Amino acid sequence: MASPSTSQRHDICGIPIDLCVEIDRSKINYGALQKVFVQHCAASDASKMSTLVPRDGEIITLITTETDTFALFPHDTSSNLFFTRPAFAAQHVLGTDSVVHGWLYRNRRARSHVAIFDASRVNGEDVRKLDALQRHILVHQCLHAQPANSRIHYHWSGHEAQCMRPFHKLKMDFDVVCIARLMQDMDAAQPCVERVLPCLLVAPGDLRAPRIVVPPPR
């Protein structure tokens, strides 16, 4: 049986093509989701832009031209782009010459979606120097009118402190596995997306960071 990642990619990916020499991959790619978790600190992390991670979701980059939409996966080592299948054509939604980033995931009805939460380029304008909140606002402006059940749609994000309650409370069309921070430095030498250990819902209205106890030396 195919893995969730393989099935999702089959749903969106059409013909692979070689990466054009005119495209600078460092200006279109996004960090891969790191495997380890970081601890949330209320004093320093509350206002960091973060988002909710769907189960089996993987980060995908969509690139639009006047006529086509291409998909790129950040942890791939090959130089291939993929034409997206017609259901995932996005140039009419995102505008031409746009580069956006989101989750490729399957919802509770086993239907593949791309949920966009960040951008590197919008309608020909390089936005990588903007902070995470400003970039996310641009994504929201492009996609807020798209229905949530469309194949390509906006993915809710907010300050890290705001993401804790939806992690426990909101009913999504997917299972939420953790919280992840949007890229702060889009041009980092080794970009990665940090997973955040969610706060615990101790009681109604009471969210507390997990207390990690280091075992005493033997």
N, C-alpha and C. Protein backbone atom coordinates (compact mmCIF):
# COMPACT_ATOMS: atom_id res chain seq x y z
N MET A 1 0.84 -1.19 0.00
CA MET A 1 0.00 0.00 0.00
C MET A 1 0.89 1.25 0.00
N ALA A 2 0.52 2.24 -0.82
CA ALA A 2 1.31 3.47 -0.91
C ALA A 2 1.23 4.26 0.39
N SER A 3 2.32 4.95 0.72
CA SER A 3 2.35 5.80 1.91
C SER A 3 1.46 7.02 1.69
N PRO A 4 1.02 7.70 2.79
CA PRO A 4 0.23 8.92 2.61
C PRO A 4 0.92 9.95 1.74
N SER A 5 2.24 10.10 1.91
CA SER A 5 2.98 11.08 1.13
C SER A 5 2.94 10.74 -0.35
N THR A 6 3.13 9.46 -0.68
CA THR A 6 3.11 9.03 -2.08
C THR A 6 1.74 9.25 -2.70
N SER A 7 0.69 8.93 -1.94
CA SER A 7 -0.68 9.09 -2.45
C SER A 7 -1.00 10.56 -2.69
N GLN A 8 -0.60 11.42 -1.75
CA GLN A 8 -0.85 12.85 -1.90
C GLN A 8 -0.13 13.40 -3.12
N ARG A 9 1.13 13.00 -3.29
CA ARG A 9 1.90 13.50 -4.42
C ARG A 9 1.31 13.02 -5.74
N HIS A 10 0.81 11.80 -5.76
CA HIS A 10 0.19 11.29 -6.98
C HIS A 10 -1.03 12.12 -7.35
N ASP A 11 -1.75 12.61 -6.34
CA ASP A 11 -2.96 13.40 -6.59
C ASP A 11 -2.64 14.75 -7.23
N ILE A 12 -1.49 15.34 -6.89
CA ILE A 12 -1.20 16.70 -7.36
C ILE A 12 -0.18 16.74 -8.48
N CYS A 13 0.77 15.81 -8.50
CA CYS A 13 1.90 15.92 -9.43
C CYS A 13 1.60 15.31 -10.79
N GLY A 14 1.88 16.10 -11.82
CA GLY A 14 1.79 15.60 -13.18
C GLY A 14 3.18 15.26 -13.70
N ILE A 15 3.53 15.78 -14.86
CA ILE A 15 4.81 15.46 -15.52
C ILE A 15 5.95 16.20 -14.83
N PRO A 16 7.05 15.51 -14.49
CA PRO A 16 8.22 16.21 -13.94
C PRO A 16 8.99 16.92 -15.05
N ILE A 17 9.59 18.05 -14.72
CA ILE A 17 10.42 18.77 -15.68
C ILE A 17 11.72 19.18 -14.99
N ASP A 18 12.77 19.38 -15.77
CA ASP A 18 14.02 19.88 -15.21
C ASP A 18 13.85 21.32 -14.77
N LEU A 19 14.50 21.67 -13.65
CA LEU A 19 14.45 23.03 -13.15
C LEU A 19 15.14 23.97 -14.15
N CYS A 20 14.43 24.97 -14.57
CA CYS A 20 14.96 25.90 -15.57
C CYS A 20 16.16 26.66 -15.02
N VAL A 21 17.13 26.92 -15.86
CA VAL A 21 18.34 27.62 -15.41
C VAL A 21 18.02 29.05 -14.99
N GLU A 22 16.91 29.61 -15.50
CA GLU A 22 16.55 30.98 -15.15
C GLU A 22 16.00 31.09 -13.74
N ILE A 23 15.64 29.98 -13.13
CA ILE A 23 15.03 30.00 -11.80
C ILE A 23 16.09 29.73 -10.75
N ASP A 24 16.20 30.62 -9.78
CA ASP A 24 17.12 30.45 -8.66
C ASP A 24 16.37 29.69 -7.56
N ARG A 25 16.71 28.41 -7.40
CA ARG A 25 15.99 27.57 -6.43
C ARG A 25 16.02 28.17 -5.02
N SER A 26 17.11 28.83 -4.65
CA SER A 26 17.21 29.40 -3.31
C SER A 26 16.18 30.49 -3.06
N LYS A 27 15.61 31.05 -4.14
CA LYS A 27 14.62 32.11 -4.00
C LYS A 27 13.19 31.61 -4.07
N ILE A 28 13.02 30.31 -4.27
CA ILE A 28 11.66 29.78 -4.37
C ILE A 28 11.39 28.67 -3.37
N ASN A 29 12.45 28.09 -2.78
CA ASN A 29 12.24 26.95 -1.90
C ASN A 29 11.91 27.39 -0.48
N TYR A 30 11.50 26.44 0.32
CA TYR A 30 11.10 26.70 1.71
C TYR A 30 11.74 25.64 2.59
N GLY A 31 11.93 25.95 3.84
CA GLY A 31 12.53 24.98 4.75
C GLY A 31 11.67 23.76 4.95
N ALA A 32 12.28 22.60 5.13
CA ALA A 32 11.55 21.37 5.44
C ALA A 32 11.21 21.34 6.93
N LEU A 33 10.19 20.61 7.28
CA LEU A 33 9.76 20.49 8.68
C LEU A 33 10.77 19.64 9.44
N GLN A 34 11.38 20.22 10.48
CA GLN A 34 12.40 19.48 11.21
C GLN A 34 11.75 18.38 12.05
N LYS A 35 12.53 17.36 12.40
CA LYS A 35 11.99 16.18 13.08
C LYS A 35 11.84 16.38 14.58
N VAL A 36 12.71 17.19 15.19
CA VAL A 36 12.65 17.37 16.64
C VAL A 36 11.76 18.56 16.98
N PHE A 37 11.30 18.60 18.24
CA PHE A 37 10.43 19.67 18.71
C PHE A 37 11.24 20.69 19.50
N VAL A 38 10.76 21.94 19.49
CA VAL A 38 11.31 22.96 20.38
C VAL A 38 10.25 23.31 21.42
N GLN A 39 10.69 23.81 22.56
CA GLN A 39 9.80 24.17 23.65
C GLN A 39 9.25 25.58 23.46
N HIS A 40 7.96 25.76 23.67
CA HIS A 40 7.36 27.08 23.63
C HIS A 40 7.71 27.84 24.90
N CYS A 41 8.17 29.08 24.74
CA CYS A 41 8.45 29.96 25.88
C CYS A 41 7.53 31.16 25.78
N ALA A 42 6.64 31.34 26.75
CA ALA A 42 5.65 32.42 26.69
C ALA A 42 6.31 33.79 26.62
N ALA A 43 7.44 33.94 27.27
CA ALA A 43 8.10 35.25 27.33
C ALA A 43 8.68 35.67 25.98
N SER A 44 9.18 34.73 25.21
CA SER A 44 9.88 35.08 23.96
C SER A 44 9.19 34.61 22.69
N ASP A 45 8.27 33.65 22.78
CA ASP A 45 7.71 33.01 21.58
C ASP A 45 6.24 33.33 21.32
N ALA A 46 5.59 34.02 22.23
CA ALA A 46 4.14 34.21 22.12
C ALA A 46 3.72 34.88 20.82
N SER A 47 4.52 35.82 20.31
CA SER A 47 4.13 36.58 19.13
C SER A 47 4.74 36.06 17.83
N LYS A 48 5.43 34.91 17.86
CA LYS A 48 5.98 34.35 16.64
C LYS A 48 4.86 33.78 15.78
N MET A 49 4.92 34.04 14.46
CA MET A 49 3.89 33.53 13.57
C MET A 49 4.04 32.02 13.41
N SER A 50 2.94 31.32 13.69
CA SER A 50 2.96 29.86 13.65
C SER A 50 1.68 29.37 12.99
N THR A 51 1.64 28.07 12.74
CA THR A 51 0.48 27.47 12.08
C THR A 51 0.30 26.05 12.57
N LEU A 52 -0.82 25.44 12.21
CA LEU A 52 -1.16 24.09 12.64
C LEU A 52 -0.78 23.09 11.56
N VAL A 53 -0.20 21.97 11.99
CA VAL A 53 0.32 20.98 11.05
C VAL A 53 -0.67 19.82 10.90
N PRO A 54 -1.14 19.55 9.68
CA PRO A 54 -2.04 18.41 9.47
C PRO A 54 -1.28 17.08 9.58
N ARG A 55 -1.98 16.05 10.04
CA ARG A 55 -1.37 14.73 10.09
C ARG A 55 -0.95 14.29 8.68
N ASP A 56 0.27 13.77 8.57
CA ASP A 56 0.86 13.33 7.30
C ASP A 56 1.02 14.49 6.30
N GLY A 57 0.88 15.72 6.77
CA GLY A 57 1.08 16.86 5.87
C GLY A 57 2.56 17.07 5.56
N GLU A 58 2.86 17.50 4.37
CA GLU A 58 4.23 17.86 4.02
C GLU A 58 4.23 19.22 3.35
N ILE A 59 5.32 19.94 3.51
CA ILE A 59 5.41 21.28 2.95
C ILE A 59 5.60 21.19 1.44
N ILE A 60 4.86 22.02 0.73
CA ILE A 60 4.93 22.08 -0.72
C ILE A 60 5.03 23.53 -1.15
N THR A 61 5.75 23.77 -2.23
CA THR A 61 5.84 25.10 -2.84
C THR A 61 5.14 25.07 -4.19
N LEU A 62 4.27 26.04 -4.42
CA LEU A 62 3.61 26.19 -5.71
C LEU A 62 4.17 27.41 -6.43
N ILE A 63 4.46 27.25 -7.71
CA ILE A 63 5.04 28.31 -8.54
C ILE A 63 4.11 28.52 -9.73
N THR A 64 3.68 29.76 -9.94
CA THR A 64 2.75 30.03 -11.04
C THR A 64 3.41 30.85 -12.13
N THR A 65 3.02 30.57 -13.37
CA THR A 65 3.36 31.40 -14.52
C THR A 65 2.05 31.88 -15.13
N GLU A 66 2.11 32.47 -16.31
CA GLU A 66 0.87 32.93 -16.94
C GLU A 66 -0.02 31.77 -17.33
N THR A 67 0.57 30.61 -17.58
CA THR A 67 -0.22 29.49 -18.11
C THR A 67 -0.21 28.24 -17.24
N ASP A 68 0.77 28.11 -16.32
CA ASP A 68 0.93 26.85 -15.62
C ASP A 68 1.19 27.06 -14.13
N THR A 69 1.03 25.94 -13.39
CA THR A 69 1.39 25.89 -11.97
C THR A 69 2.31 24.70 -11.77
N PHE A 70 3.38 24.91 -11.01
CA PHE A 70 4.36 23.86 -10.75
C PHE A 70 4.46 23.61 -9.25
N ALA A 71 4.84 22.38 -8.89
CA ALA A 71 5.02 21.99 -7.50
C ALA A 71 6.47 21.64 -7.24
N LEU A 72 6.96 22.03 -6.06
CA LEU A 72 8.32 21.73 -5.63
C LEU A 72 8.26 21.32 -4.17
N PHE A 73 9.03 20.30 -3.79
CA PHE A 73 9.06 19.82 -2.41
C PHE A 73 10.41 20.15 -1.78
N PRO A 74 10.41 20.79 -0.61
CA PRO A 74 11.66 21.36 -0.08
C PRO A 74 12.74 20.36 0.28
N HIS A 75 12.36 19.13 0.66
CA HIS A 75 13.40 18.19 1.07
C HIS A 75 13.87 17.29 -0.07
N ASP A 76 13.35 17.51 -1.29
CA ASP A 76 13.83 16.75 -2.44
C ASP A 76 15.24 17.22 -2.82
N THR A 77 16.08 16.28 -3.17
CA THR A 77 17.44 16.62 -3.59
C THR A 77 17.55 16.76 -5.11
N SER A 78 16.55 16.32 -5.83
CA SER A 78 16.58 16.43 -7.29
C SER A 78 16.26 17.87 -7.70
N SER A 79 16.52 18.19 -8.95
CA SER A 79 16.23 19.54 -9.46
C SER A 79 14.90 19.57 -10.21
N ASN A 80 14.02 18.62 -9.92
CA ASN A 80 12.78 18.53 -10.67
C ASN A 80 11.67 19.40 -10.09
N LEU A 81 10.93 20.03 -10.98
CA LEU A 81 9.63 20.58 -10.68
C LEU A 81 8.60 19.62 -11.27
N PHE A 82 7.35 19.75 -10.84
CA PHE A 82 6.27 18.95 -11.40
C PHE A 82 5.16 19.88 -11.88
N PHE A 83 4.67 19.64 -13.08
CA PHE A 83 3.42 20.27 -13.46
C PHE A 83 2.34 19.77 -12.49
N THR A 84 1.50 20.66 -12.00
CA THR A 84 0.38 20.19 -11.18
C THR A 84 -0.74 19.70 -12.09
N ARG A 85 -1.53 18.80 -11.56
CA ARG A 85 -2.72 18.35 -12.29
C ARG A 85 -3.71 19.50 -12.38
N PRO A 86 -4.63 19.47 -13.35
CA PRO A 86 -5.55 20.61 -13.58
C PRO A 86 -6.32 21.04 -12.33
N ALA A 87 -6.68 20.11 -11.46
CA ALA A 87 -7.45 20.47 -10.27
C ALA A 87 -6.67 21.39 -9.34
N PHE A 88 -5.33 21.41 -9.47
CA PHE A 88 -4.50 22.22 -8.59
C PHE A 88 -3.87 23.41 -9.31
N ALA A 89 -4.37 23.74 -10.50
CA ALA A 89 -3.90 24.94 -11.18
C ALA A 89 -4.26 26.16 -10.35
N ALA A 90 -3.28 27.06 -10.12
CA ALA A 90 -3.49 28.14 -9.15
C ALA A 90 -3.21 29.52 -9.70
N GLN A 91 -2.80 29.65 -10.96
CA GLN A 91 -2.42 30.96 -11.47
C GLN A 91 -3.59 31.94 -11.46
N HIS A 92 -4.81 31.44 -11.62
CA HIS A 92 -5.97 32.32 -11.61
C HIS A 92 -6.33 32.76 -10.19
N VAL A 93 -5.83 32.06 -9.18
CA VAL A 93 -6.10 32.39 -7.78
C VAL A 93 -4.95 33.20 -7.17
N LEU A 94 -3.72 32.77 -7.43
CA LEU A 94 -2.55 33.38 -6.80
C LEU A 94 -1.94 34.48 -7.64
N GLY A 95 -2.34 34.60 -8.89
CA GLY A 95 -1.72 35.55 -9.79
C GLY A 95 -0.51 34.92 -10.47
N THR A 96 -0.09 35.49 -11.57
CA THR A 96 1.07 34.95 -12.29
C THR A 96 2.36 35.38 -11.59
N ASP A 97 3.40 34.59 -11.80
CA ASP A 97 4.71 34.86 -11.21
C ASP A 97 4.62 34.97 -9.69
N SER A 98 3.99 33.96 -9.08
CA SER A 98 3.89 33.88 -7.62
C SER A 98 4.54 32.59 -7.14
N VAL A 99 5.10 32.66 -5.93
CA VAL A 99 5.70 31.49 -5.28
C VAL A 99 5.16 31.44 -3.86
N VAL A 100 4.37 30.41 -3.55
CA VAL A 100 3.74 30.32 -2.24
C VAL A 100 4.03 28.95 -1.62
N HIS A 101 3.82 28.86 -0.31
CA HIS A 101 4.17 27.66 0.44
C HIS A 101 3.00 27.24 1.33
N GLY A 102 2.81 25.93 1.44
CA GLY A 102 1.70 25.45 2.25
C GLY A 102 1.85 23.98 2.58
N TRP A 103 0.79 23.40 3.11
CA TRP A 103 0.74 21.98 3.44
C TRP A 103 0.02 21.22 2.34
N LEU A 104 0.61 20.14 1.89
CA LEU A 104 -0.09 19.15 1.08
C LEU A 104 -0.56 18.06 2.03
N TYR A 105 -1.87 17.86 2.12
CA TYR A 105 -2.40 16.88 3.08
C TYR A 105 -3.70 16.30 2.55
N ARG A 106 -4.13 15.23 3.16
CA ARG A 106 -5.44 14.64 2.86
C ARG A 106 -6.38 14.90 4.02
N ASN A 107 -7.58 15.36 3.71
CA ASN A 107 -8.52 15.67 4.78
C ASN A 107 -9.20 14.39 5.28
N ARG A 108 -10.18 14.54 6.15
CA ARG A 108 -10.83 13.38 6.77
C ARG A 108 -11.60 12.53 5.76
N ARG A 109 -11.85 13.09 4.57
CA ARG A 109 -12.53 12.33 3.52
C ARG A 109 -11.54 11.81 2.48
N ALA A 110 -10.26 11.81 2.84
CA ALA A 110 -9.18 11.28 1.98
C ALA A 110 -9.07 12.05 0.67
N ARG A 111 -9.34 13.35 0.72
CA ARG A 111 -9.23 14.22 -0.46
C ARG A 111 -8.02 15.13 -0.27
N SER A 112 -7.13 15.18 -1.25
CA SER A 112 -5.91 15.96 -1.12
C SER A 112 -6.18 17.45 -1.30
N HIS A 113 -5.52 18.25 -0.48
CA HIS A 113 -5.63 19.71 -0.50
C HIS A 113 -4.25 20.33 -0.40
N VAL A 114 -4.13 21.57 -0.87
CA VAL A 114 -2.96 22.40 -0.60
C VAL A 114 -3.45 23.61 0.17
N ALA A 115 -2.97 23.75 1.40
CA ALA A 115 -3.39 24.85 2.28
C ALA A 115 -2.21 25.81 2.43
N ILE A 116 -2.36 27.02 1.92
CA ILE A 116 -1.24 27.97 1.80
C ILE A 116 -1.14 28.84 3.06
N PHE A 117 0.10 28.99 3.57
CA PHE A 117 0.31 29.82 4.76
C PHE A 117 1.45 30.83 4.62
N ASP A 118 2.25 30.78 3.56
CA ASP A 118 3.38 31.70 3.44
C ASP A 118 3.68 31.93 1.96
N ALA A 119 4.52 32.93 1.69
CA ALA A 119 4.84 33.27 0.30
C ALA A 119 6.26 33.79 0.19
N SER A 120 6.88 33.55 -0.97
CA SER A 120 8.17 34.13 -1.32
C SER A 120 8.03 35.21 -2.39
N ARG A 121 6.99 35.08 -3.20
CA ARG A 121 6.79 36.00 -4.32
C ARG A 121 5.29 36.10 -4.59
N VAL A 122 4.79 37.31 -4.77
CA VAL A 122 3.36 37.51 -5.02
C VAL A 122 3.21 38.45 -6.21
N ASN A 123 2.62 37.94 -7.28
CA ASN A 123 2.40 38.74 -8.49
C ASN A 123 3.67 39.44 -8.96
N GLY A 124 4.78 38.71 -8.95
CA GLY A 124 6.03 39.25 -9.45
C GLY A 124 6.85 40.03 -8.44
N GLU A 125 6.34 40.25 -7.25
CA GLU A 125 7.06 41.01 -6.23
C GLU A 125 7.71 40.06 -5.23
N ASP A 126 9.03 40.20 -5.03
CA ASP A 126 9.77 39.40 -4.06
C ASP A 126 9.42 39.89 -2.66
N VAL A 127 8.87 38.99 -1.83
CA VAL A 127 8.44 39.38 -0.48
C VAL A 127 9.26 38.67 0.60
N ARG A 128 10.36 38.04 0.22
CA ARG A 128 11.13 37.26 1.19
C ARG A 128 11.76 38.12 2.28
N LYS A 129 11.96 39.41 2.03
CA LYS A 129 12.56 40.29 3.04
C LYS A 129 11.53 40.79 4.06
N LEU A 130 10.25 40.59 3.79
CA LEU A 130 9.21 40.98 4.74
C LEU A 130 9.20 40.01 5.92
N ASP A 131 8.64 40.46 7.05
CA ASP A 131 8.56 39.54 8.19
C ASP A 131 7.42 38.55 7.96
N ALA A 132 7.37 37.52 8.81
CA ALA A 132 6.42 36.42 8.61
C ALA A 132 4.97 36.89 8.64
N LEU A 133 4.66 37.84 9.51
CA LEU A 133 3.29 38.34 9.60
C LEU A 133 2.89 39.06 8.32
N GLN A 134 3.75 39.91 7.79
CA GLN A 134 3.43 40.64 6.57
C GLN A 134 3.25 39.69 5.39
N ARG A 135 4.11 38.68 5.30
CA ARG A 135 3.97 37.70 4.21
C ARG A 135 2.65 36.95 4.33
N HIS A 136 2.30 36.59 5.56
CA HIS A 136 1.06 35.84 5.75
C HIS A 136 -0.16 36.70 5.41
N ILE A 137 -0.11 37.98 5.71
CA ILE A 137 -1.21 38.86 5.35
C ILE A 137 -1.42 38.88 3.84
N LEU A 138 -0.33 38.89 3.07
CA LEU A 138 -0.44 38.85 1.62
C LEU A 138 -1.11 37.56 1.15
N VAL A 139 -0.76 36.43 1.79
CA VAL A 139 -1.40 35.16 1.46
C VAL A 139 -2.90 35.24 1.75
N HIS A 140 -3.24 35.80 2.91
CA HIS A 140 -4.65 35.91 3.29
C HIS A 140 -5.42 36.77 2.28
N GLN A 141 -4.81 37.86 1.82
CA GLN A 141 -5.48 38.73 0.85
C GLN A 141 -5.75 38.00 -0.46
N CYS A 142 -4.85 37.11 -0.85
CA CYS A 142 -5.03 36.35 -2.10
C CYS A 142 -6.11 35.28 -1.98
N LEU A 143 -6.21 34.67 -0.79
CA LEU A 143 -6.96 33.41 -0.67
C LEU A 143 -8.16 33.44 0.26
N HIS A 144 -8.41 34.56 0.95
CA HIS A 144 -9.45 34.53 1.98
C HIS A 144 -10.85 34.23 1.41
N ALA A 145 -11.05 34.56 0.13
CA ALA A 145 -12.36 34.32 -0.48
C ALA A 145 -12.54 32.90 -0.99
N GLN A 146 -11.45 32.12 -1.03
CA GLN A 146 -11.56 30.74 -1.51
C GLN A 146 -12.29 29.87 -0.48
N PRO A 147 -13.24 29.06 -0.89
CA PRO A 147 -13.89 28.17 0.07
C PRO A 147 -12.91 27.15 0.62
N ALA A 148 -13.11 26.77 1.90
CA ALA A 148 -12.18 25.86 2.57
C ALA A 148 -12.14 24.48 1.91
N ASN A 149 -13.18 24.11 1.16
CA ASN A 149 -13.19 22.79 0.53
C ASN A 149 -12.60 22.81 -0.88
N SER A 150 -12.10 23.96 -1.34
CA SER A 150 -11.43 24.00 -2.64
C SER A 150 -10.07 23.33 -2.52
N ARG A 151 -9.54 22.89 -3.63
CA ARG A 151 -8.28 22.13 -3.59
C ARG A 151 -7.11 22.98 -3.11
N ILE A 152 -7.13 24.29 -3.41
CA ILE A 152 -6.11 25.21 -2.94
C ILE A 152 -6.80 26.31 -2.14
N HIS A 153 -6.40 26.47 -0.89
CA HIS A 153 -7.09 27.45 -0.04
C HIS A 153 -6.14 27.98 1.03
N TYR A 154 -6.63 28.99 1.73
CA TYR A 154 -5.88 29.63 2.81
C TYR A 154 -5.79 28.70 4.01
N HIS A 155 -4.63 28.71 4.69
CA HIS A 155 -4.44 27.91 5.91
C HIS A 155 -4.26 28.85 7.09
N TRP A 156 -5.14 28.75 8.06
CA TRP A 156 -5.14 29.66 9.21
C TRP A 156 -3.79 29.60 9.94
N SER A 157 -3.28 30.78 10.28
CA SER A 157 -2.08 30.91 11.09
C SER A 157 -2.28 32.08 12.04
N GLY A 158 -1.44 32.14 13.06
CA GLY A 158 -1.54 33.22 14.03
C GLY A 158 -0.32 33.24 14.92
N HIS A 159 -0.31 34.14 15.89
CA HIS A 159 0.77 34.16 16.86
C HIS A 159 0.80 32.84 17.61
N GLU A 160 1.98 32.45 18.02
CA GLU A 160 2.14 31.12 18.63
C GLU A 160 1.22 30.92 19.83
N ALA A 161 1.06 31.95 20.64
CA ALA A 161 0.17 31.84 21.80
C ALA A 161 -1.27 31.60 21.37
N GLN A 162 -1.65 32.16 20.20
CA GLN A 162 -3.01 31.97 19.70
C GLN A 162 -3.22 30.57 19.12
N CYS A 163 -2.14 29.95 18.66
CA CYS A 163 -2.24 28.63 18.05
C CYS A 163 -2.49 27.53 19.08
N MET A 164 -2.16 27.78 20.34
CA MET A 164 -2.29 26.74 21.35
C MET A 164 -3.73 26.31 21.56
N ARG A 165 -4.65 27.29 21.63
CA ARG A 165 -6.05 26.94 21.89
C ARG A 165 -6.70 26.23 20.70
N PRO A 166 -6.52 26.73 19.47
CA PRO A 166 -7.05 25.96 18.32
C PRO A 166 -6.51 24.55 18.25
N PHE A 167 -5.27 24.34 18.70
CA PHE A 167 -4.71 23.00 18.69
C PHE A 167 -5.61 22.05 19.47
N HIS A 168 -6.18 22.53 20.58
CA HIS A 168 -7.03 21.70 21.42
C HIS A 168 -8.51 21.78 21.04
N LYS A 169 -8.94 22.96 20.54
CA LYS A 169 -10.37 23.23 20.49
C LYS A 169 -11.01 23.20 19.10
N LEU A 170 -10.31 23.71 18.08
CA LEU A 170 -10.96 23.86 16.79
C LEU A 170 -11.17 22.51 16.10
N LYS A 171 -12.32 22.36 15.48
CA LYS A 171 -12.62 21.16 14.70
C LYS A 171 -12.23 21.42 13.25
N MET A 172 -11.15 20.81 12.82
CA MET A 172 -10.66 21.00 11.46
C MET A 172 -11.12 19.85 10.57
N ASP A 173 -10.86 19.99 9.27
CA ASP A 173 -11.14 18.88 8.37
C ASP A 173 -9.94 17.95 8.29
N PHE A 174 -8.98 18.12 9.21
CA PHE A 174 -7.82 17.24 9.30
C PHE A 174 -7.44 17.09 10.76
N ASP A 175 -6.68 16.04 11.07
CA ASP A 175 -6.15 15.87 12.42
C ASP A 175 -4.93 16.76 12.59
N VAL A 176 -4.89 17.55 13.66
CA VAL A 176 -3.76 18.42 13.95
C VAL A 176 -2.74 17.64 14.77
N VAL A 177 -1.50 17.61 14.32
CA VAL A 177 -0.48 16.84 15.04
C VAL A 177 0.45 17.72 15.88
N CYS A 178 0.66 18.97 15.45
CA CYS A 178 1.52 19.85 16.22
C CYS A 178 1.41 21.27 15.67
N ILE A 179 2.21 22.15 16.21
CA ILE A 179 2.31 23.54 15.77
C ILE A 179 3.68 23.72 15.11
N ALA A 180 3.75 24.56 14.08
CA ALA A 180 5.02 24.85 13.42
C ALA A 180 5.15 26.34 13.21
N ARG A 181 6.38 26.84 13.33
CA ARG A 181 6.63 28.26 13.13
C ARG A 181 6.88 28.57 11.66
N LEU A 182 6.31 29.67 11.18
CA LEU A 182 6.62 30.12 9.84
C LEU A 182 8.09 30.54 9.79
N MET A 183 8.68 30.44 8.61
CA MET A 183 10.08 30.81 8.45
C MET A 183 10.30 32.27 8.85
N GLN A 184 11.27 32.49 9.74
CA GLN A 184 11.60 33.86 10.13
C GLN A 184 12.62 34.45 9.14
N ASP A 185 13.65 33.67 8.82
CA ASP A 185 14.68 34.10 7.87
C ASP A 185 14.54 33.27 6.61
N MET A 186 13.96 33.86 5.58
CA MET A 186 13.70 33.11 4.34
C MET A 186 14.98 32.76 3.59
N ASP A 187 16.07 33.46 3.89
CA ASP A 187 17.32 33.24 3.16
C ASP A 187 18.38 32.57 4.03
N ALA A 188 17.96 31.83 5.04
CA ALA A 188 18.90 31.14 5.92
C ALA A 188 19.71 30.12 5.12
N ALA A 189 20.96 29.90 5.55
CA ALA A 189 21.84 28.97 4.84
C ALA A 189 21.28 27.56 4.86
N GLN A 190 20.72 27.14 6.01
CA GLN A 190 20.11 25.82 6.14
C GLN A 190 18.70 26.00 6.71
N PRO A 191 17.77 26.40 5.87
CA PRO A 191 16.42 26.71 6.37
C PRO A 191 15.70 25.48 6.89
N CYS A 192 14.95 25.67 7.96
CA CYS A 192 14.11 24.59 8.48
C CYS A 192 12.90 25.22 9.15
N VAL A 193 11.84 24.45 9.25
CA VAL A 193 10.61 24.88 9.92
C VAL A 193 10.55 24.17 11.25
N GLU A 194 10.48 24.92 12.33
CA GLU A 194 10.54 24.34 13.66
C GLU A 194 9.18 23.81 14.10
N ARG A 195 9.17 22.60 14.65
CA ARG A 195 7.98 22.06 15.30
C ARG A 195 7.97 22.54 16.74
N VAL A 196 6.80 22.93 17.22
CA VAL A 196 6.68 23.44 18.59
C VAL A 196 5.88 22.45 19.43
N LEU A 197 6.40 22.15 20.62
CA LEU A 197 5.68 21.28 21.55
C LEU A 197 4.49 22.06 22.09
N PRO A 198 3.25 21.65 21.81
CA PRO A 198 2.08 22.44 22.24
C PRO A 198 1.94 22.49 23.75
N CYS A 199 1.30 23.57 24.22
CA CYS A 199 0.97 23.67 25.64
C CYS A 199 -0.09 22.63 25.99
N LEU A 200 -0.17 22.30 27.26
CA LEU A 200 -1.16 21.36 27.76
C LEU A 200 -2.42 22.11 28.19
N LEU A 201 -3.58 21.55 27.85
CA LEU A 201 -4.84 22.11 28.33
C LEU A 201 -5.11 21.51 29.71
N VAL A 202 -4.72 22.25 30.76
CA VAL A 202 -4.82 21.74 32.13
C VAL A 202 -6.26 21.78 32.62
N ALA A 203 -6.95 22.87 32.31
CA ALA A 203 -8.34 23.06 32.69
C ALA A 203 -8.94 24.06 31.71
N PRO A 204 -10.27 24.22 31.68
CA PRO A 204 -10.86 25.20 30.77
C PRO A 204 -10.23 26.58 30.96
N GLY A 205 -9.66 27.11 29.86
CA GLY A 205 -9.04 28.42 29.93
C GLY A 205 -7.63 28.42 30.49
N ASP A 206 -7.08 27.26 30.80
CA ASP A 206 -5.76 27.19 31.45
C ASP A 206 -4.81 26.37 30.57
N LEU A 207 -3.94 27.09 29.85
CA LEU A 207 -2.95 26.45 29.01
C LEU A 207 -1.58 26.62 29.64
N ARG A 208 -0.85 25.55 29.80
CA ARG A 208 0.46 25.60 30.42
C ARG A 208 1.46 24.81 29.57
N ALA A 209 2.67 25.35 29.52
CA ALA A 209 3.73 24.65 28.80
C ALA A 209 4.07 23.36 29.52
N PRO A 210 4.33 22.27 28.78
CA PRO A 210 4.72 21.02 29.43
C PRO A 210 5.99 21.22 30.25
N ARG A 211 6.01 20.61 31.41
CA ARG A 211 7.18 20.70 32.28
C ARG A 211 8.09 19.51 31.99
N ILE A 212 9.23 19.80 31.39
CA ILE A 212 10.15 18.73 31.04
C ILE A 212 11.14 18.55 32.19
N VAL A 213 11.11 17.39 32.78
CA VAL A 213 11.96 17.10 33.94
C VAL A 213 13.15 16.27 33.47
N VAL A 214 14.34 16.77 33.72
CA VAL A 214 15.55 16.05 33.36
C VAL A 214 15.80 14.98 34.42
N PRO A 215 15.94 13.71 34.04
CA PRO A 215 16.17 12.66 35.05
C PRO A 215 17.47 12.88 35.78
N PRO A 216 17.50 12.59 37.08
CA PRO A 216 18.73 12.78 37.86
C PRO A 216 19.81 11.81 37.39
N PRO A 217 21.07 12.21 37.52
CA PRO A 217 22.16 11.30 37.13
C PRO A 217 22.16 10.06 38.00
N ARG A 218 22.51 8.96 37.41
CA ARG A 218 22.55 7.70 38.17
C ARG A 218 23.83 7.61 38.96
